């Protein structure tokens, strides 16, 4: 989905041809589902982490090309902004290795990259939005060199016909216009992947949708944007607005946004890919040479290039993924709601909670999505993004309840049960889920620490706003490297 594309100008013929081939891919995908062509029986997990680059003063560093050249590892790639990078952690069985094996692998990769970045005068930061980022840092010059992002930028603004308004009302108020999509680069996230069988995909996707608000409330880590204190997880409204192809007149007609929670529970993975083709015009109408029907008739596995490319430009908070590895196709749920950081320990605790909880929910006799409206799940997401760990969310059988109470009383036991069913004994589960428990007990996550530290420096130590944000970010980086979970970080 994130593959490179060539720079070019699209014609009407390109769009017509792409539409035809996209629907051909959809037909072939439906046939593959009917004929059970997919890899099954393996619950493999994967992870992507987006990071920011900063200089010695904790200000954004537009050096992604230099840092990637220094790292020289195909697991690392560019992102939308020149101050972003992304690491793709190799997929694995969740039970592979010891309880610390996955954490060690990720820490080693990040530490190696940090050493290489430091050699060119930059440093890596895992955080939802970089507090020192200013509005002037996300102009057109900050857009990555990758032609894919320039094409996306051109196509989004061609569809809109006007500049983007970014408007967030939180602790403070932000109103600004953008003539590029580069403000979206301020959003850096953690993306958890889970390979599932086609027959169970709908259940796992529905479960992931149902808990999206809970995930965000627990892990919020993005309270600052362009010097303003806004939502606890400002990534959510920023991402929704910074890639919106709809001018106001189109939006009020009910046209769907490209950053999308969805609008109903599903019964098949096909529902999601069909919606992509039905509701969203192509942003990148690039056609592959492969004929997917002929490939399937020959007994080969089609890449379904148009279907996957188009899917990569519909930014669902839980996105379906079709992929082919060693000639065998599989399906994944890509969970995209969480911010990066603060530490690897926090990231993997978030992952353990997610994987365990959705497994337990899928196994329930009365699934949560049969007892909860889809609108309630979407409202939970935005309430959690605004309020963070102080949010009250709706849950069937409990009504509106503080998220910390919901997790401690109901969801943590389910997460333990789900991880046990995935093969993780208590020795594995306790360190990860214990972090989630203590976050709830202390009511502290990354957003809380950032806000408290900023106000300590600004209101008590009387530093000006920019210096307080810079000092807070520097302290954040120091604690990030210690890898102690964020609920233990002091404010001093």
Protein backbone atom coordinates (compact mmCIF):
# COMPACT_ATOMS: atom_id res chain seq x y z
CA UNK A 1 0.00 0.00 0.00
CA UNK A 2 2.90 2.33 0.69
CA UNK A 3 4.82 1.40 -2.43
CA UNK A 4 6.65 4.05 -4.43
CA UNK A 5 4.96 5.47 -7.49
CA UNK A 6 6.39 7.43 -10.42
CA UNK A 7 5.78 11.14 -10.85
CA UNK A 8 3.30 11.79 -13.66
CA UNK A 9 0.19 13.63 -14.79
CA UNK A 10 -3.02 11.58 -14.89
CA UNK A 11 -5.43 11.71 -17.81
CA UNK A 12 -9.15 10.95 -18.05
CA UNK A 13 -8.20 7.72 -19.81
CA UNK A 14 -5.98 6.75 -16.86
CA UNK A 15 -8.92 7.15 -14.51
CA UNK A 16 -11.34 5.23 -16.71
CA UNK A 17 -8.88 2.36 -17.12
CA UNK A 18 -8.10 2.27 -13.42
CA UNK A 19 -11.78 2.12 -12.50
CA UNK A 20 -12.30 -0.89 -14.79
CA UNK A 21 -9.25 -2.69 -13.46
CA UNK A 22 -10.17 -1.93 -9.85
CA UNK A 23 -13.54 -3.62 -10.32
CA UNK A 24 -11.82 -6.55 -12.05
CA UNK A 25 -9.57 -6.89 -9.00
CA UNK A 26 -12.65 -6.81 -6.78
CA UNK A 27 -14.25 -9.61 -8.79
CA UNK A 28 -11.06 -11.69 -8.58
CA UNK A 29 -10.82 -11.04 -4.83
CA UNK A 30 -14.41 -12.28 -4.39
CA UNK A 31 -13.54 -15.42 -6.35
CA UNK A 32 -10.46 -16.02 -4.19
CA UNK A 33 -12.62 -15.78 -1.07
CA UNK A 34 -15.15 -18.28 -2.51
CA UNK A 35 -12.38 -20.70 -3.51
CA UNK A 36 -10.55 -20.45 -0.14
CA UNK A 37 -7.26 -19.39 -1.68
CA UNK A 38 -5.84 -17.75 1.46
CA UNK A 39 -3.26 -18.69 4.04
CA UNK A 40 -5.15 -19.81 7.16
CA UNK A 41 -4.48 -20.98 10.68
CA UNK A 42 -1.68 -18.56 11.56
CA UNK A 43 -2.28 -15.56 13.82
CA UNK A 44 0.85 -13.63 12.93
CA UNK A 45 1.48 -10.13 14.25
CA UNK A 46 3.40 -7.20 12.82
CA UNK A 47 4.25 -3.66 13.78
CA UNK A 48 5.04 -0.31 12.16
CA UNK A 49 6.27 2.69 14.12
CA UNK A 50 6.49 6.21 12.72
CA UNK A 51 9.04 8.53 14.28
CA UNK A 52 10.08 12.17 14.21
CA UNK A 53 13.56 13.52 13.57
CA UNK A 54 14.85 16.36 15.74
CA UNK A 55 18.10 18.29 16.00
CA UNK A 56 20.19 18.85 19.12
CA UNK A 57 17.71 21.47 20.35
CA UNK A 58 14.71 19.11 19.99
CA UNK A 59 13.43 21.06 16.99
CA UNK A 60 12.27 19.18 13.85
CA UNK A 61 15.11 18.18 11.53
CA UNK A 62 14.35 17.91 7.79
CA UNK A 63 16.95 15.18 7.29
CA UNK A 64 15.03 11.97 6.51
CA UNK A 65 16.95 11.24 3.29
CA UNK A 66 20.30 11.61 5.07
CA UNK A 67 19.23 9.47 8.00
CA UNK A 68 17.81 6.73 5.76
CA UNK A 69 21.08 6.65 3.83
CA UNK A 70 22.99 6.34 7.10
CA UNK A 71 20.75 3.55 8.44
CA UNK A 72 20.85 1.67 5.11
CA UNK A 73 18.26 -0.92 6.18
CA UNK A 74 15.22 -1.88 4.06
CA UNK A 75 13.11 -2.11 7.23
CA UNK A 76 13.25 1.69 7.36
CA UNK A 77 11.44 3.96 4.91
CA UNK A 78 10.45 7.55 4.31
CA UNK A 79 7.15 9.02 5.43
CA UNK A 80 5.15 12.06 4.37
CA UNK A 81 7.42 14.69 5.91
CA UNK A 82 11.17 15.20 5.72
CA UNK A 83 11.17 15.06 9.52
CA UNK A 84 9.56 11.56 9.60
CA UNK A 85 10.77 7.98 9.29
CA UNK A 86 9.04 4.62 9.64
CA UNK A 87 10.28 1.21 10.73
CA UNK A 88 8.52 -1.98 9.69
CA UNK A 89 9.19 -4.66 12.28
CA UNK A 90 9.30 -8.18 10.81
CA UNK A 91 6.09 -10.21 11.32
CA UNK A 92 6.14 -13.04 13.83
CA UNK A 93 4.05 -15.40 15.90
CA UNK A 94 3.14 -13.63 19.13
CA UNK A 95 4.55 -16.56 21.13
CA UNK A 96 7.81 -16.66 19.17
CA UNK A 97 10.87 -16.37 21.44
CA UNK A 98 10.69 -15.32 25.08
CA UNK A 99 8.53 -12.65 26.67
CA UNK A 100 11.30 -10.08 26.17
CA UNK A 101 12.36 -11.17 22.69
CA UNK A 102 10.09 -8.84 20.68
CA UNK A 103 10.95 -5.87 22.87
CA UNK A 104 14.67 -6.57 22.54
CA UNK A 105 14.39 -6.83 18.76
CA UNK A 106 12.61 -3.48 18.47
CA UNK A 107 14.89 -1.70 20.94
CA UNK A 108 17.98 -2.97 19.13
CA UNK A 109 16.64 -1.73 15.79
CA UNK A 110 15.72 1.69 17.21
CA UNK A 111 19.02 2.07 19.05
CA UNK A 112 20.96 1.20 15.90
CA UNK A 113 18.96 3.76 13.94
CA UNK A 114 19.48 6.37 16.68
CA UNK A 115 23.26 5.86 16.51
CA UNK A 116 23.20 6.33 12.74
CA UNK A 117 20.93 9.38 13.02
CA UNK A 118 23.18 10.93 15.67
CA UNK A 119 26.11 10.64 13.30
CA UNK A 120 24.38 13.13 10.98
CA UNK A 121 23.28 15.43 13.82
CA UNK A 122 19.72 14.21 14.39
CA UNK A 123 17.77 12.11 16.89
CA UNK A 124 14.65 9.90 16.79
CA UNK A 125 11.51 10.62 18.82
CA UNK A 126 8.49 8.32 19.28
CA UNK A 127 5.60 10.68 20.00
CA UNK A 128 2.11 11.30 18.64
CA UNK A 129 2.73 14.90 17.57
CA UNK A 130 6.06 16.68 18.02
CA UNK A 131 5.53 19.51 20.56
CA UNK A 132 8.25 21.72 19.04
CA UNK A 133 6.76 21.56 15.55
CA UNK A 134 5.66 24.99 14.35
CA UNK A 135 3.23 25.91 11.60
CA UNK A 136 6.08 27.13 9.39
CA UNK A 137 7.73 23.70 9.59
CA UNK A 138 5.02 21.99 7.52
CA UNK A 139 5.10 23.96 4.29
CA UNK A 140 5.65 22.43 0.84
CA UNK A 141 9.42 22.30 1.36
CA UNK A 142 8.88 19.80 4.22
CA UNK A 143 7.19 17.27 1.94
CA UNK A 144 9.19 14.06 1.45
CA UNK A 145 11.13 13.60 -1.78
CA UNK A 146 9.15 10.43 -2.54
CA UNK A 147 7.01 11.12 -5.66
CA UNK A 148 4.09 9.24 -4.07
CA UNK A 149 3.53 12.02 -1.57
CA UNK A 150 3.79 14.77 -4.16
CA UNK A 151 1.20 12.97 -6.29
CA UNK A 152 -1.10 12.54 -3.30
CA UNK A 153 -0.71 16.21 -2.48
CA UNK A 154 -1.60 17.25 -6.02
CA UNK A 155 -4.59 14.92 -6.26
CA UNK A 156 -6.08 15.85 -2.88
CA UNK A 157 -5.95 19.54 -3.66
CA UNK A 158 -7.24 18.98 -7.18
CA UNK A 159 -10.26 17.24 -5.63
CA UNK A 160 -10.76 19.95 -2.99
CA UNK A 161 -10.20 22.96 -5.18
CA UNK A 162 -9.24 25.05 -2.14
CA UNK A 163 -6.92 25.18 0.87
CA UNK A 164 -7.41 22.91 3.89
CA UNK A 165 -8.81 24.32 7.12
CA UNK A 166 -7.36 22.73 10.24
CA UNK A 167 -9.58 23.60 13.19
CA UNK A 168 -9.31 22.01 16.64
CA UNK A 169 -11.01 23.29 19.79
CA UNK A 170 -9.45 21.81 22.91
CA UNK A 171 -7.75 23.28 25.95
CA UNK A 172 -6.79 26.03 23.50
CA UNK A 173 -8.08 26.83 20.03
CA UNK A 174 -6.33 26.29 16.69
CA UNK A 175 -7.38 27.69 13.33
CA UNK A 176 -4.99 27.56 10.38
CA UNK A 177 -5.11 26.96 6.63
CA UNK A 178 -2.76 24.74 4.65
CA UNK A 179 -2.00 24.62 0.94
CA UNK A 180 -0.32 21.20 1.19
CA UNK A 181 -1.07 17.96 3.03
CA UNK A 182 2.23 18.26 4.94
CA UNK A 183 0.50 19.07 8.29
CA UNK A 184 -0.57 15.41 8.25
CA UNK A 185 3.13 14.57 8.74
CA UNK A 186 2.72 15.88 12.29
CA UNK A 187 0.75 12.66 13.01
CA UNK A 188 3.09 9.83 13.92
CA UNK A 189 1.51 6.53 14.85
CA UNK A 190 1.96 2.93 15.85
CA UNK A 191 0.24 0.42 13.58
CA UNK A 192 -0.44 -3.11 14.81
CA UNK A 193 -1.06 -5.83 12.21
CA UNK A 194 -2.84 -9.12 12.81
CA UNK A 195 -3.05 -11.83 10.17
CA UNK A 196 -6.43 -13.57 10.35
CA UNK A 197 -8.38 -16.15 8.36
CA UNK A 198 -10.91 -14.78 5.85
CA UNK A 199 -13.81 -16.45 7.67
CA UNK A 200 -12.97 -14.67 10.94
CA UNK A 201 -11.83 -11.34 9.48
CA UNK A 202 -15.16 -9.58 10.06
CA UNK A 203 -15.21 -10.56 13.73
CA UNK A 204 -11.69 -9.28 14.33
CA UNK A 205 -12.35 -6.03 12.46
CA UNK A 206 -15.58 -5.44 14.35
CA UNK A 207 -13.83 -6.10 17.65
CA UNK A 208 -11.03 -3.68 16.75
CA UNK A 209 -13.59 -1.00 15.90
CA UNK A 210 -15.43 -1.56 19.17
CA UNK A 211 -12.31 -0.97 21.30
CA UNK A 212 -10.73 1.86 19.28
CA UNK A 213 -11.86 4.50 21.76
CA UNK A 214 -10.52 2.53 24.72
CA UNK A 215 -7.15 2.15 22.99
CA UNK A 216 -6.86 5.87 22.32
CA UNK A 217 -7.93 6.88 25.83
CA UNK A 218 -5.28 4.68 27.42
CA UNK A 219 -2.44 5.57 25.05
CA UNK A 220 -3.08 9.24 24.17
CA UNK A 221 0.25 10.96 23.52
CA UNK A 222 -0.41 14.01 21.33
CA UNK A 223 -1.69 17.01 23.35
CA UNK A 224 0.29 19.72 21.50
CA UNK A 225 0.21 20.93 17.91
CA UNK A 226 1.82 24.08 16.52
CA UNK A 227 2.45 25.36 20.04
CA UNK A 228 -1.17 24.96 21.20
CA UNK A 229 -2.53 22.55 23.80
CA UNK A 230 -5.51 20.88 22.17
CA UNK A 231 -6.92 17.35 22.52
CA UNK A 232 -5.17 14.57 24.45
CA UNK A 233 -4.78 12.76 21.11
CA UNK A 234 -4.76 15.62 18.60
CA UNK A 235 -3.59 13.17 15.91
CA UNK A 236 -7.18 12.04 15.43
CA UNK A 237 -8.78 15.35 14.33
CA UNK A 238 -5.60 16.47 12.57
CA UNK A 239 -5.38 13.36 10.41
CA UNK A 240 -9.09 13.54 9.61
CA UNK A 241 -8.75 17.13 8.41
CA UNK A 242 -5.29 17.19 6.80
CA UNK A 243 -6.15 14.68 4.05
CA UNK A 244 -9.79 15.67 3.47
CA UNK A 245 -10.60 15.83 -0.23
CA UNK A 246 -14.05 17.38 0.39
CA UNK A 247 -14.84 21.09 0.24
CA UNK A 248 -17.65 22.11 2.58
CA UNK A 249 -20.38 21.80 -0.05
CA UNK A 250 -19.45 18.19 -0.78
CA UNK A 251 -19.02 17.30 2.89
CA UNK A 252 -22.52 18.48 3.86
CA UNK A 253 -23.97 16.27 1.10
CA UNK A 254 -22.80 13.25 3.08
CA UNK A 255 -19.82 12.28 0.93
CA UNK A 256 -17.55 10.00 2.97
CA UNK A 257 -14.18 11.26 4.22
CA UNK A 258 -11.01 9.43 3.21
CA UNK A 259 -9.93 9.24 6.85
CA UNK A 260 -12.83 7.12 7.94
CA UNK A 261 -14.09 5.15 10.90
CA UNK A 262 -16.73 3.53 8.72
CA UNK A 263 -20.49 3.44 9.18
CA UNK A 264 -21.55 -0.12 10.05
CA UNK A 265 -20.38 -3.47 11.38
CA UNK A 266 -19.34 -5.85 8.61
CA UNK A 267 -20.02 -9.50 7.77
CA UNK A 268 -17.05 -10.03 5.41
CA UNK A 269 -13.73 -8.45 4.50
CA UNK A 270 -15.24 -8.02 1.04
CA UNK A 271 -17.55 -5.33 2.45
CA UNK A 272 -14.59 -3.00 3.08
CA UNK A 273 -12.91 -3.38 -0.30
CA UNK A 274 -16.27 -3.03 -2.05
CA UNK A 275 -16.94 0.20 -0.14
CA UNK A 276 -13.55 1.53 -1.23
CA UNK A 277 -14.46 1.02 -4.87
CA UNK A 278 -18.03 2.29 -4.48
CA UNK A 279 -17.42 5.47 -2.47
CA UNK A 280 -13.94 6.76 -3.26
CA UNK A 281 -12.55 7.98 -6.59
CA UNK A 282 -8.95 7.03 -7.26
CA UNK A 283 -6.26 9.41 -6.03
CA UNK A 284 -3.46 7.46 -7.72
CA UNK A 285 -4.95 5.83 -10.86
CA UNK A 286 -1.86 3.76 -11.73
CA UNK A 287 -2.47 0.46 -13.49
CA UNK A 288 -0.36 -2.68 -13.18
CA UNK A 289 0.62 -4.84 -16.14
CA UNK A 290 -0.75 -7.97 -14.46
CA UNK A 291 -4.11 -9.32 -15.56
CA UNK A 292 -5.46 -10.71 -12.25
CA UNK A 293 -8.04 -12.97 -13.91
CA UNK A 294 -5.45 -14.61 -16.15
CA UNK A 295 -3.05 -14.98 -13.23
CA UNK A 296 -5.69 -16.75 -11.15
CA UNK A 297 -6.70 -18.99 -14.06
CA UNK A 298 -3.03 -20.06 -14.40
CA UNK A 299 -3.01 -21.11 -10.76
CA UNK A 300 -0.90 -18.12 -9.72
CA UNK A 301 -1.63 -15.64 -6.95
CA UNK A 302 -2.56 -12.20 -8.32
CA UNK A 303 -1.07 -9.15 -6.66
CA UNK A 304 -4.33 -7.18 -7.15
CA UNK A 305 -2.26 -4.02 -7.60
CA UNK A 306 -5.12 -1.61 -8.24
CA UNK A 307 -7.13 -2.90 -5.29
CA UNK A 308 -4.21 -2.59 -2.85
CA UNK A 309 -3.05 0.80 -4.16
CA UNK A 310 -6.56 2.23 -3.86
CA UNK A 311 -6.95 0.71 -0.39
CA UNK A 312 -3.79 2.54 0.64
CA UNK A 313 -5.47 5.89 -0.08
CA UNK A 314 -8.55 5.20 2.06
CA UNK A 315 -7.34 5.82 5.59
CA UNK A 316 -9.57 3.69 7.79
CA UNK A 317 -8.70 3.64 11.48
CA UNK A 318 -8.82 -0.15 11.15
CA UNK A 319 -7.85 -1.02 7.62
CA UNK A 320 -8.05 -4.33 5.73
CA UNK A 321 -4.81 -5.50 4.12
CA UNK A 322 -4.43 -7.97 1.26
CA UNK A 323 -0.84 -9.14 0.77
CA UNK A 324 1.08 -11.91 -0.96
CA UNK A 325 4.13 -13.50 0.69
CA UNK A 326 6.09 -16.22 -1.11
CA UNK A 327 3.22 -16.65 -3.54
CA UNK A 328 0.60 -17.16 -0.81
CA UNK A 329 -2.09 -14.51 -0.16
CA UNK A 330 -3.22 -13.55 3.32
CA UNK A 331 -5.44 -10.98 5.05
CA UNK A 332 -4.58 -8.66 7.92
CA UNK A 333 -6.33 -6.16 10.14
CA UNK A 334 -4.17 -3.03 10.39
CA UNK A 335 -4.95 -1.16 13.62
CA UNK A 336 -4.05 2.52 13.05
CA UNK A 337 -5.58 4.44 15.96
CA UNK A 338 -2.59 4.64 18.31
CA UNK A 339 0.16 7.26 18.56
CA UNK A 340 3.84 6.40 18.57
CA UNK A 341 5.61 6.03 21.92
CA UNK A 342 6.33 7.05 24.52
CA UNK A 343 8.61 4.00 24.99
CA UNK A 344 9.00 0.57 23.46
CA UNK A 345 7.66 -0.84 26.74
CA UNK A 346 4.51 1.28 26.35
CA UNK A 347 4.10 0.36 22.69
CA UNK A 348 4.28 -3.37 23.33
CA UNK A 349 1.96 -3.09 26.33
CA UNK A 350 -0.54 -1.36 24.05
CA UNK A 351 -0.06 -4.20 21.58
CA UNK A 352 -0.57 -6.94 24.16
CA UNK A 353 -3.76 -5.27 25.38
CA UNK A 354 -5.05 -4.94 21.80
CA UNK A 355 -4.22 -8.48 20.68
CA UNK A 356 -5.50 -10.10 23.85
CA UNK A 357 -8.69 -8.09 24.06
CA UNK A 358 -9.85 -8.56 20.48
CA UNK A 359 -9.14 -12.29 20.70
CA UNK A 360 -11.32 -12.54 23.82
CA UNK A 361 -14.09 -10.44 22.27
CA UNK A 362 -14.12 -12.57 19.12
CA UNK A 363 -14.61 -15.68 21.26
CA UNK A 364 -17.61 -14.32 23.20
CA UNK A 365 -21.01 -15.96 22.67
CA UNK A 366 -22.70 -12.55 22.33
CA UNK A 367 -20.18 -10.34 20.52
CA UNK A 368 -19.87 -6.79 21.77
CA UNK A 369 -20.75 -5.42 18.33
CA UNK A 370 -24.14 -7.15 18.55
CA UNK A 371 -24.86 -5.16 21.73
CA UNK A 372 -23.38 -1.79 20.79
CA UNK A 373 -24.31 0.62 18.03
CA UNK A 374 -21.64 1.48 15.48
CA UNK A 375 -22.29 5.17 16.17
CA UNK A 376 -21.45 4.61 19.85
CA UNK A 377 -18.10 3.07 18.90
CA UNK A 378 -17.29 6.05 16.69
CA UNK A 379 -18.35 8.52 19.39
CA UNK A 380 -16.10 6.67 21.86
CA UNK A 381 -13.12 7.25 19.57
CA UNK A 382 -13.57 11.01 19.42
CA UNK A 383 -14.44 11.33 23.11
CA UNK A 384 -11.27 9.40 23.95
CA UNK A 385 -9.16 11.53 21.63
CA UNK A 386 -10.43 14.70 23.29
CA UNK A 387 -10.35 13.59 26.94
CA UNK A 388 -7.72 10.84 27.01
CA UNK A 389 -7.48 8.75 30.14
CA UNK A 390 -10.12 10.96 31.83
CA UNK A 391 -12.72 10.00 29.22
CA UNK A 392 -16.06 8.38 29.99
CA UNK A 393 -16.98 5.88 27.28
CA UNK A 394 -20.01 3.77 26.50
CA UNK A 395 -19.80 0.00 26.99
CA UNK A 396 -22.66 -2.52 26.80
CA UNK A 397 -23.94 -3.49 30.23
CA UNK A 398 -22.13 -0.60 31.92
CA UNK A 399 -23.43 2.49 30.11
CA UNK A 400 -21.23 5.59 30.31
CA UNK A 401 -18.28 4.67 32.50
CA UNK A 402 -14.80 6.12 33.21
CA UNK A 403 -12.40 4.34 30.88
CA UNK A 404 -10.09 3.44 33.77
CA UNK A 405 -12.95 1.67 35.56
CA UNK A 406 -14.01 -0.06 32.35
CA UNK A 407 -10.52 -1.38 31.75
CA UNK A 408 -9.78 -2.46 35.32
CA UNK A 409 -13.16 -4.11 35.96
CA UNK A 410 -14.02 -5.57 32.56
CA UNK A 411 -11.42 -5.35 29.79
CA UNK A 412 -8.12 -6.24 31.47
CA UNK A 413 -9.41 -9.66 32.59
CA UNK A 414 -10.59 -10.22 29.02
CA UNK A 415 -7.18 -9.23 27.64
CA UNK A 416 -5.50 -11.71 29.97
CA UNK A 417 -7.90 -14.42 28.81
CA UNK A 418 -7.31 -13.60 25.16
CA UNK A 419 -3.52 -13.69 25.49
CA UNK A 420 -3.78 -17.00 27.34
CA UNK A 421 -5.77 -18.41 24.43
CA UNK A 422 -3.07 -17.13 22.10
CA UNK A 423 -0.54 -19.19 24.06
CA UNK A 424 0.98 -16.63 26.44
CA UNK A 425 1.24 -17.77 30.03
CA UNK A 426 1.14 -15.45 33.05
CA UNK A 427 4.91 -14.97 33.00
CA UNK A 428 4.52 -13.34 29.57
CA UNK A 429 1.24 -11.52 30.17
CA UNK A 430 1.88 -9.85 33.50
CA UNK A 431 4.71 -7.45 32.49
CA UNK A 432 2.80 -6.13 29.47
CA UNK A 433 -0.71 -5.91 30.89
CA UNK A 434 0.67 -4.75 34.23
CA UNK A 435 1.71 -1.53 32.48
CA UNK A 436 -1.87 -1.00 31.29
CA UNK A 437 -3.17 -1.69 34.79
CA UNK A 438 -0.83 0.87 36.36
CA UNK A 439 -1.73 3.47 33.76
CA UNK A 440 -5.33 3.11 34.88
CA UNK A 441 -4.48 3.09 38.59
CA UNK A 442 -2.36 6.24 38.29
CA UNK A 443 -4.48 7.82 35.50
CA UNK A 444 -1.26 8.77 33.72
CA UNK A 445 -0.28 8.36 30.09
CA UNK A 446 1.90 10.27 27.63
CA UNK A 447 -0.57 13.10 27.16
CA UNK A 448 -0.90 13.63 30.91
CA UNK A 449 2.87 13.71 31.40
CA UNK A 450 3.42 16.14 28.50
CA UNK A 451 0.74 18.52 29.75
CA UNK A 452 1.93 18.43 33.36
CA UNK A 453 5.57 18.86 32.40
CA UNK A 454 4.77 21.77 30.09
CA UNK A 455 2.76 23.58 32.76
CA UNK A 456 5.47 22.94 35.34
CA UNK A 457 8.02 24.62 33.07
CA UNK A 458 5.71 27.37 31.78
CA UNK A 459 3.52 28.22 34.78
CA UNK A 460 5.87 27.49 37.68
CA UNK A 461 9.38 27.87 36.22
CA UNK A 462 8.14 30.81 34.08
CA UNK A 463 9.79 29.74 30.84
CA UNK A 464 8.21 31.18 27.72
CA UNK A 465 5.94 28.85 25.76
CA UNK A 466 8.42 27.87 23.05
CA UNK A 467 11.22 27.17 25.53
CA UNK A 468 8.89 25.21 27.83
CA UNK A 469 7.83 23.00 24.92
CA UNK A 470 11.45 22.54 23.85
CA UNK A 471 12.62 21.63 27.35
CA UNK A 472 9.69 19.29 27.83
CA UNK A 473 10.50 17.54 24.54
CA UNK A 474 14.16 17.17 25.52
CA UNK A 475 13.16 15.61 28.83
CA UNK A 476 10.72 13.33 27.00
CA UNK A 477 13.55 12.07 24.78
CA UNK A 478 15.73 11.31 27.80
CA UNK A 479 12.95 9.30 29.48
CA UNK A 480 12.10 7.56 26.19
CA UNK A 481 15.60 6.12 26.04
CA UNK A 482 15.36 4.81 29.61
CA UNK A 483 12.35 2.69 28.47
CA UNK A 484 10.54 3.03 31.79
CA UNK A 485 6.76 3.09 31.12
CA UNK A 486 5.37 6.62 30.96
CA UNK A 487 3.17 6.28 34.05
CA UNK A 488 6.41 6.19 36.11
CA UNK A 489 7.89 9.38 34.65
CA UNK A 490 8.35 12.18 37.22
CA UNK A 491 7.46 15.84 36.63
CA UNK A 492 10.28 17.95 37.98
